[in-house]
C-alpha atoms as a PDB file:
ATOM      1  CA  MET A   1      27.388   4.767 -11.257  1.00  0.00           C
ATOM      2  CA  PHE A   2      23.477   4.861 -11.180  1.00  0.00           C
ATOM      3  CA  ALA A   3      21.787   4.121  -7.588  1.00  0.00           C
ATOM      4  CA  PHE A   4      18.080   3.905  -7.471  1.00  0.00           C
ATOM      5  CA  PHE A   5      16.451   4.001  -3.958  1.00  0.00           C
ATOM      6  CA  CYS A   6      13.101   2.586  -3.254  1.00  0.00           C
ATOM      7  CA  ARG A   7      10.819   3.650  -0.716  1.00  0.00           C
ATOM      8  CA  CYS A   8       8.896   1.059   1.794  1.00  0.00           C
ATOM      9  CA  PHE A   9       5.540   1.561   2.066  1.00  0.00           C
ATOM     10  CA  GLU A  10       4.063   0.060   5.026  1.00  0.00           C
ATOM     11  CA  LEU A  11       0.619   0.287   6.790  1.00  0.00           C
ATOM     12  CA  GLU A  12       0.536   1.761  10.273  1.00  0.00           C
ATOM     13  CA  LEU A  13      -1.933   0.112  12.596  1.00  0.00           C
ATOM     14  CA  THR A  14      -3.796   1.920  15.212  1.00  0.00           C
ATOM     15  CA  SER A  15      -6.498   0.530  17.212  1.00  0.00           C
ATOM     16  CA  ASN A  16      -9.041   1.759  15.174  1.00  0.00           C
ATOM     17  CA  TYR A  17      -7.622   1.593  11.899  1.00  0.00           C
ATOM     18  CA  ASN A  18     -10.361   0.221   9.207  1.00  0.00           C
ATOM     19  CA  HIS A  19     -11.111   0.145   5.900  1.00  0.00           C
ATOM     20  CA  ASN A  20     -11.528   3.519   5.288  1.00  0.00           C
ATOM     21  CA  SER A  21      -8.018   3.809   6.617  1.00  0.00           C
ATOM     22  CA  PHE A  22      -6.816   1.161   4.618  1.00  0.00           C
ATOM     23  CA  LEU A  23      -7.795   3.010   1.183  1.00  0.00           C
ATOM     24  CA  ASP A  24      -6.776   5.875   2.473  1.00  0.00           C
ATOM     25  CA  ASP A  25      -3.168   4.527   2.444  1.00  0.00           C
ATOM     26  CA  VAL A  26      -3.311   2.851  -0.982  1.00  0.00           C
ATOM     27  CA  ARG A  27      -4.089   6.377  -2.466  1.00  0.00           C
ATOM     28  CA  ARG A  28      -1.498   7.722  -0.359  1.00  0.00           C
ATOM     29  CA  LEU A  29       0.608   5.067  -1.961  1.00  0.00           C
ATOM     30  CA  TYR A  30      -0.590   5.302  -5.338  1.00  0.00           C
ATOM     31  CA  PHE A  31       0.185   9.143  -5.136  1.00  0.00           C
ATOM     32  CA  ASN A  32       3.722   8.876  -4.185  1.00  0.00           C
ATOM     33  CA  ALA A  33       4.817   6.279  -6.510  1.00  0.00           C
ATOM     34  CA  GLY A  34       2.913   7.651  -9.424  1.00  0.00           C
ATOM     35  CA  ALA A  35       2.576  11.432  -9.259  1.00  0.00           C
ATOM     36  CA  ARG A  36       5.886  11.834  -7.290  1.00  0.00           C
ATOM     37  CA  ASN A  37       7.435   8.979  -9.175  1.00  0.00           C
ATOM     38  CA  GLU A  38       9.065   7.583  -6.269  1.00  0.00           C
ATOM     39  CA  GLY A  39      10.365   3.812  -6.334  1.00  0.00           C
ATOM     40  CA  THR A  40       8.228   2.526  -3.914  1.00  0.00           C
ATOM     41  CA  THR A  41       7.599  -1.585  -2.427  1.00  0.00           C
ATOM     42  CA  PHE A  42       4.165  -1.828  -0.745  1.00  0.00           C
ATOM     43  CA  LEU A  43       5.048  -4.046   2.143  1.00  0.00           C
ATOM     44  CA  LEU A  44       1.990  -6.197   3.776  1.00  0.00           C
ATOM     45  CA  THR A  45       2.053  -9.122   6.258  1.00  0.00           C
ATOM     46  CA  ASP A  46      -0.339 -11.189   7.427  1.00  0.00           C
ATOM     47  CA  THR A  47      -1.032  -9.444  10.574  1.00  0.00           C
ATOM     48  CA  GLN A  48      -1.907  -6.182   8.814  1.00  0.00           C
ATOM     49  CA  ILE A  49      -4.711  -7.642   7.550  1.00  0.00           C
ATOM     50  CA  VAL A  50      -7.559  -6.845  10.055  1.00  0.00           C
ATOM     51  CA  GLN A  51     -10.215  -6.821   7.738  1.00  0.00           C
ATOM     52  CA  GLU A  52     -11.081  -9.491   5.072  1.00  0.00           C
ATOM     53  CA  GLU A  53     -11.773  -6.550   2.535  1.00  0.00           C
ATOM     54  CA  PHE A  54      -8.417  -5.899   2.421  1.00  0.00           C
ATOM     55  CA  ILE A  55      -7.731  -8.951   1.206  1.00  0.00           C
ATOM     56  CA  GLU A  56     -10.006  -8.414  -2.182  1.00  0.00           C
ATOM     57  CA  ASP A  57      -8.243  -4.913  -2.745  1.00  0.00           C
ATOM     58  CA  ILE A  58      -5.287  -6.391  -2.872  1.00  0.00           C
ATOM     59  CA  SER A  59      -6.472  -8.952  -5.026  1.00  0.00           C
ATOM     60  CA  ASN A  60      -7.711  -6.492  -7.803  1.00  0.00           C
ATOM     61  CA  ILE A  61      -4.686  -4.117  -7.289  1.00  0.00           C
ATOM     62  CA  LEU A  62      -2.545  -6.903  -8.376  1.00  0.00           C
ATOM     63  CA  ASN A  63      -5.132  -8.425 -10.826  1.00  0.00           C
ATOM     64  CA  SER A  64      -5.265  -4.844 -12.558  1.00  0.00           C
ATOM     65  CA  GLY A  65      -1.481  -4.334 -12.729  1.00  0.00           C
ATOM     66  CA  LYS A  66      -1.871  -0.655 -11.736  1.00  0.00           C
END
């Protein structure tokens, strides 16, 4: 029997969380999923979108398929 475990990646917001912090988290997500070959689920809720730029970045990720 084969078991596949998937890591859930979720943003940890702080009081000074900004667009640069978001991009750093996305880089870390990509590194873990790609370079480390970890099964990863990215969980993002509407309350975690603290700046409008997050939506554009997520849209670009979904459109590019990368």
